[in-house]
Amino acid sequence: MTEHDHLQENSKASPIESLRIERTKLTQDELAVRCGIPRSTYQRWIAGRTEAKLSLTQLKALCQELGIERVDELPDGFCPRLSDRPP
């Protein structure tokens, strides 16, 4: 399996990875570094092992890198909805 095949396989399960592939020429490492996210954390998100829980700074950086301008452009499953968080 080539790296491209592997990326396409991951993108089916991960909205973040799908957007990275569609909208940037960045590697996983480059995107993670630019957004202040540890690479291992990013990889757990795209593998579906953990849910993306970003700081506001990380979310802003990720949206900027992915060309997301409005909250309603975030795909379902991108990160937990505020209503899903405990009070």
Protein backbone atom coordinates (compact mmCIF):
# COMPACT_ATOMS: atom_id res chain seq x y z
CA MET A 1 0.00 0.00 0.00
CA THR A 2 1.41 3.37 -0.98
CA GLU A 3 1.41 6.42 1.29
CA HIS A 4 -1.29 7.98 -0.92
CA ASP A 5 -3.50 4.86 -0.53
CA HIS A 6 -2.94 4.96 3.22
CA LEU A 7 -3.89 8.66 3.34
CA GLN A 8 -7.06 8.02 1.36
CA GLU A 9 -7.97 5.17 3.70
CA ASN A 10 -7.49 7.43 6.74
CA SER A 11 -9.44 10.27 5.15
CA LYS A 12 -12.57 8.10 4.95
CA ALA A 13 -12.66 7.90 8.73
CA SER A 14 -11.38 11.38 9.54
CA PRO A 15 -12.90 14.72 8.54
CA ILE A 16 -9.70 16.51 9.59
CA GLU A 17 -7.48 14.32 7.44
CA SER A 18 -9.84 14.56 4.51
CA LEU A 19 -9.70 18.36 4.63
CA ARG A 20 -5.90 18.32 4.96
CA ILE A 21 -5.59 16.24 1.81
CA GLU A 22 -8.20 18.22 -0.15
CA ARG A 23 -7.20 21.75 0.84
CA THR A 24 -3.47 21.73 1.55
CA LYS A 25 -0.19 20.33 0.34
CA LEU A 26 0.96 19.92 3.95
CA THR A 27 2.08 16.63 5.44
CA GLN A 28 0.53 15.46 8.69
CA ASP A 29 3.66 16.61 10.50
CA GLU A 30 3.62 20.06 8.91
CA LEU A 31 -0.05 20.63 9.72
CA ALA A 32 0.37 19.45 13.30
CA VAL A 33 3.42 21.69 13.88
CA ARG A 34 1.73 24.76 12.35
CA CYS A 35 -1.28 24.22 14.61
CA GLY A 36 0.61 23.43 17.80
CA ILE A 37 -0.72 19.87 17.93
CA PRO A 38 1.58 16.96 18.82
CA ARG A 39 1.94 14.63 15.82
CA SER A 40 0.96 11.60 17.88
CA THR A 41 -2.23 13.37 18.98
CA TYR A 42 -3.09 14.25 15.38
CA GLN A 43 -2.53 10.65 14.33
CA ARG A 44 -4.81 9.38 17.11
CA TRP A 45 -7.53 11.78 15.90
CA ILE A 46 -7.38 10.62 12.30
CA ALA A 47 -7.24 6.97 13.33
CA GLY A 48 -10.38 7.49 15.42
CA ARG A 49 -8.67 6.40 18.63
CA THR A 50 -9.39 9.71 20.37
CA GLU A 51 -11.71 12.62 19.79
CA ALA A 52 -10.22 15.94 18.74
CA LYS A 53 -10.25 18.30 21.71
CA LEU A 54 -8.51 21.45 20.63
CA SER A 55 -7.62 24.60 22.49
CA LEU A 56 -9.02 27.78 20.96
CA THR A 57 -5.55 28.64 19.65
CA GLN A 58 -5.21 25.22 18.00
CA LEU A 59 -8.72 25.42 16.54
CA LYS A 60 -8.04 28.86 15.06
CA ALA A 61 -4.74 27.69 13.55
CA LEU A 62 -6.29 24.52 12.14
CA CYS A 63 -9.18 26.45 10.60
CA GLN A 64 -6.75 28.93 9.07
CA GLU A 65 -4.58 26.17 7.57
CA LEU A 66 -7.63 24.32 6.22
CA GLY A 67 -9.31 27.44 4.84
CA ILE A 68 -12.30 27.23 7.17
CA GLU A 69 -13.75 30.70 7.73
CA ARG A 70 -16.98 29.99 9.61
CA VAL A 71 -17.89 27.52 12.34
CA ASP A 72 -20.70 26.08 10.23
CA GLU A 73 -18.08 24.99 7.67
CA LEU A 74 -16.59 22.55 10.20
CA PRO A 75 -17.54 19.00 9.23
CA ASP A 76 -19.56 16.82 11.59
CA GLY A 77 -17.25 14.85 13.84
CA PHE A 78 -14.51 17.49 13.62
CA CYS A 79 -14.56 18.07 17.38
CA PRO A 80 -17.12 17.64 20.18
CA ARG A 81 -20.13 19.92 20.11
CA LEU A 82 -20.42 22.31 23.02
CA SER A 83 -23.73 20.71 23.99
CA ASP A 84 -21.94 17.35 24.36
CA ARG A 85 -19.56 18.68 26.99
CA PRO A 86 -20.38 18.33 30.67
CA PRO A 87 -21.51 21.53 32.41
